[in-house]
Amino acid sequence: MKYIGPKVRLSRALGVALTPKGQIALEKKAQRPGQHGVRRRQMSPYGKQLLEKQRLRFQYNVHERQMRNYYKKASRSKGATGDNLMRLLESRLDAVVYRTGWARTIYAARQFVNHGHVEVGGARVDIPSYSVRPGQTVSIRDKSRKLQCFQEGAGVDSSPSYLEAAESGFEVTKVREPMRDEIPVICDVLQVVEFYSR
């Protein structure tokens, strides 16, 4: 089920800033939300695994079923399951739009894709979970480039090294698959792998 509740409260519960407003809230109130948020409880191993899984899931804004399918696909691939899982999540179209700086949050990036503002290889794609492969070019549609949200994001060069941005600021090419240390995600991926391998 899609989460439509308060993002700031969720950020405080997970200890990860999901939005710019969530970052401000974490700096002011580091404890968990609610009346008993100040109390520190000893978490069980399962609780730690669940927390890390939720952190990863909400940072990419994916459903539980999608997350489980990504894990199954990652476990069948060659190499470390954790690294494969991160590459699969990072190859999502909404994640690429977010990493380029066109959207301030992953939620906004998903909406931009859903509304048909994004093209892959010159063809419009409105599926946020579309997997962007190395060599493919992601761009903002010509009609959408006039919108203020993209005008603000075009000047921000926050693209990681595995994404090559064009001079226009409205186009980016995926050069290669990302390495784990290049992905700015706050999560212990090994705990996530242990959670799903139970």
Protein backbone atom coordinates (compact mmCIF):
# COMPACT_ATOMS: atom_id res chain seq x y z
CA MET A 1 0.00 0.00 0.00
CA LYS A 2 1.29 3.46 -0.90
CA TYR A 3 2.33 5.59 2.08
CA ILE A 4 0.43 8.91 2.06
CA GLY A 5 1.05 9.95 5.66
CA PRO A 6 3.31 12.72 7.02
CA LYS A 7 6.84 12.43 5.60
CA VAL A 8 8.45 14.32 8.50
CA ARG A 9 7.04 11.89 11.05
CA LEU A 10 8.26 8.97 8.93
CA SER A 11 11.72 10.58 8.63
CA ARG A 12 11.96 10.86 12.42
CA ALA A 13 10.77 7.27 12.92
CA LEU A 14 13.37 5.89 10.50
CA GLY A 15 16.15 8.34 11.38
CA VAL A 16 16.61 9.21 7.70
CA ALA A 17 15.70 12.51 6.00
CA LEU A 18 13.26 11.62 3.22
CA THR A 19 12.56 15.27 2.33
CA PRO A 20 14.31 18.64 2.90
CA LYS A 21 11.71 19.40 5.58
CA GLY A 22 12.49 16.04 7.18
CA GLN A 23 16.18 17.01 7.36
CA ILE A 24 15.30 20.17 9.33
CA ALA A 25 13.09 18.15 11.67
CA LEU A 26 15.86 15.61 12.33
CA GLU A 27 18.29 18.40 13.21
CA LYS A 28 15.81 19.90 15.69
CA LYS A 29 14.35 16.67 17.12
CA ALA A 30 16.58 13.64 16.80
CA GLN A 31 14.30 11.35 18.84
CA ARG A 32 11.47 9.21 17.46
CA PRO A 33 8.03 10.82 17.10
CA GLY A 34 5.30 10.41 19.69
CA GLN A 35 4.93 10.71 23.44
CA HIS A 36 7.40 7.91 24.17
CA GLY A 37 9.92 8.74 21.45
CA VAL A 38 12.56 9.83 23.96
CA ARG A 39 12.78 6.38 25.55
CA ARG A 40 15.50 4.18 24.11
CA ARG A 41 14.60 0.51 23.86
CA GLN A 42 16.97 -2.34 23.14
CA MET A 43 16.03 -3.60 19.67
CA SER A 44 15.97 -7.28 18.82
CA PRO A 45 17.97 -8.56 15.80
CA TYR A 46 14.70 -8.85 13.87
CA GLY A 47 13.79 -5.27 14.81
CA LYS A 48 17.13 -3.99 13.49
CA GLN A 49 16.69 -5.89 10.22
CA LEU A 50 13.13 -4.58 9.84
CA LEU A 51 14.25 -0.99 10.49
CA GLU A 52 17.01 -1.18 7.87
CA LYS A 53 14.61 -2.75 5.35
CA GLN A 54 12.08 0.04 5.94
CA ARG A 55 14.81 2.67 5.62
CA LEU A 56 15.84 1.31 2.24
CA ARG A 57 12.27 0.83 1.05
CA PHE A 58 11.12 4.36 1.87
CA GLN A 59 14.27 6.01 0.49
CA TYR A 60 13.28 4.56 -2.90
CA ASN A 61 9.50 4.83 -2.30
CA VAL A 62 8.76 1.24 -3.34
CA HIS A 63 6.07 -1.17 -2.15
CA GLU A 64 6.89 -4.25 -0.08
CA ARG A 65 6.06 -6.61 -2.94
CA GLN A 66 8.33 -4.66 -5.31
CA MET A 67 11.13 -4.76 -2.73
CA ARG A 68 10.79 -8.51 -2.31
CA ASN A 69 10.87 -9.00 -6.09
CA TYR A 70 14.02 -6.86 -6.34
CA TYR A 71 15.64 -9.03 -3.66
CA LYS A 72 14.73 -12.25 -5.50
CA LYS A 73 16.19 -10.87 -8.73
CA ALA A 74 19.35 -9.70 -6.92
CA SER A 75 19.86 -13.08 -5.24
CA ARG A 76 19.67 -14.86 -8.61
CA SER A 77 22.31 -12.59 -10.17
CA LYS A 78 26.07 -13.11 -9.93
CA GLY A 79 27.96 -11.23 -7.25
CA ALA A 80 27.03 -9.94 -3.79
CA THR A 81 23.26 -9.87 -3.27
CA GLY A 82 23.40 -6.55 -1.38
CA ASP A 83 25.31 -4.78 -4.15
CA ASN A 84 23.00 -6.25 -6.80
CA LEU A 85 19.96 -5.07 -4.86
CA MET A 86 21.31 -1.51 -4.64
CA ARG A 87 22.09 -1.46 -8.38
CA LEU A 88 18.57 -2.62 -9.24
CA LEU A 89 16.99 0.05 -7.06
CA GLU A 90 19.33 2.75 -8.36
CA SER A 91 18.49 1.87 -11.98
CA ARG A 92 14.82 2.81 -11.45
CA LEU A 93 13.77 5.74 -13.61
CA ASP A 94 12.45 7.80 -10.70
CA ALA A 95 15.75 7.25 -8.85
CA VAL A 96 17.72 8.50 -11.88
CA VAL A 97 15.48 11.60 -12.10
CA TYR A 98 16.03 12.23 -8.38
CA ARG A 99 19.83 11.77 -8.56
CA THR A 100 20.16 14.28 -11.41
CA GLY A 101 18.66 17.01 -9.23
CA TRP A 102 15.54 17.57 -11.33
CA ALA A 103 13.38 16.64 -8.33
CA ARG A 104 13.89 17.63 -4.69
CA THR A 105 12.52 14.34 -3.36
CA ILE A 106 12.00 10.79 -4.60
CA TYR A 107 8.26 11.41 -4.27
CA ALA A 108 8.45 14.38 -6.65
CA ALA A 109 10.57 12.33 -9.07
CA ARG A 110 7.92 9.60 -9.14
CA GLN A 111 5.23 12.19 -9.87
CA PHE A 112 7.26 13.76 -12.70
CA VAL A 113 7.62 10.35 -14.34
CA ASN A 114 3.94 9.48 -13.81
CA HIS A 115 2.85 12.75 -15.41
CA GLY A 116 4.85 12.01 -18.56
CA HIS A 117 7.54 14.70 -18.25
CA VAL A 118 10.43 12.25 -18.75
CA GLU A 119 11.78 10.54 -21.88
CA VAL A 120 14.18 7.60 -22.21
CA GLY A 121 15.98 7.40 -25.54
CA GLY A 122 13.58 9.97 -27.04
CA ALA A 123 10.43 8.02 -26.11
CA ARG A 124 8.13 9.08 -23.29
CA VAL A 125 8.12 6.69 -20.33
CA ASP A 126 5.63 7.10 -17.49
CA ILE A 127 6.58 4.03 -15.42
CA PRO A 128 8.68 4.96 -12.34
CA SER A 129 10.03 1.40 -11.98
CA TYR A 130 11.40 1.38 -15.57
CA SER A 131 14.98 0.06 -15.42
CA VAL A 132 17.50 2.42 -17.05
CA ARG A 133 20.39 0.49 -18.64
CA PRO A 134 23.95 1.76 -19.26
CA GLY A 135 24.10 3.77 -22.47
CA GLN A 136 20.50 4.98 -22.26
CA THR A 137 19.74 8.70 -22.16
CA VAL A 138 17.12 10.17 -19.84
CA SER A 139 15.79 13.65 -20.62
CA ILE A 140 13.00 16.07 -19.81
CA ARG A 141 10.44 16.53 -22.60
CA ASP A 142 10.76 19.76 -24.61
CA LYS A 143 7.27 20.90 -23.59
CA SER A 144 8.04 20.35 -19.91
CA ARG A 145 11.36 22.21 -19.82
CA LYS A 146 9.57 25.55 -19.43
CA LEU A 147 8.05 24.52 -16.09
CA GLN A 148 9.53 26.26 -13.06
CA CYS A 149 10.30 23.02 -11.21
CA PHE A 150 12.61 21.87 -14.04
CA GLN A 151 14.11 25.33 -14.56
CA GLU A 152 15.23 25.29 -10.92
CA GLY A 153 16.53 21.72 -11.10
CA ALA A 154 18.39 22.19 -14.39
CA GLY A 155 20.96 24.49 -12.79
CA VAL A 156 21.78 22.01 -10.03
CA ASP A 157 24.64 19.69 -11.00
CA SER A 158 24.25 16.91 -8.43
CA SER A 159 24.66 13.99 -10.81
CA PRO A 160 26.87 11.16 -9.48
CA SER A 161 29.85 9.93 -11.49
CA TYR A 162 27.93 7.08 -13.18
CA LEU A 163 25.54 9.63 -14.74
CA GLU A 164 26.87 12.03 -17.38
CA ALA A 165 24.89 15.25 -17.59
CA ALA A 166 24.59 17.26 -20.82
CA GLU A 167 25.37 21.00 -20.95
CA SER A 168 21.70 21.86 -21.36
CA GLY A 169 20.95 20.45 -17.90
CA PHE A 170 17.87 18.62 -19.20
CA GLU A 171 19.58 15.43 -20.33
CA VAL A 172 21.64 12.75 -18.61
CA THR A 173 23.24 9.51 -19.83
CA LYS A 174 23.84 6.47 -17.67
CA VAL A 175 27.48 5.61 -18.34
CA ARG A 176 27.79 2.48 -16.19
CA GLU A 177 26.30 0.62 -13.25
CA PRO A 178 26.98 2.36 -9.91
CA MET A 179 29.28 1.02 -7.20
CA ARG A 180 27.87 0.65 -3.67
CA ASP A 181 29.95 3.51 -2.22
CA GLU A 182 28.65 5.89 -4.93
CA ILE A 183 25.01 5.44 -3.90
CA PRO A 184 24.05 8.02 -1.22
CA VAL A 185 21.65 5.79 0.72
CA ILE A 186 21.66 5.50 4.52
CA CYS A 187 21.14 1.80 5.14
CA ASP A 188 22.93 -1.37 6.26
CA VAL A 189 22.21 -3.49 3.19
CA LEU A 190 23.50 -6.70 4.82
CA GLN A 191 20.72 -6.43 7.40
CA VAL A 192 18.19 -6.12 4.57
CA VAL A 193 19.59 -9.23 2.88
CA GLU A 194 19.38 -11.13 6.18
CA PHE A 195 15.78 -9.99 6.63
CA TYR A 196 14.69 -11.36 3.26
CA SER A 197 16.80 -14.53 3.43
CA ARG A 198 15.00 -15.80 6.55
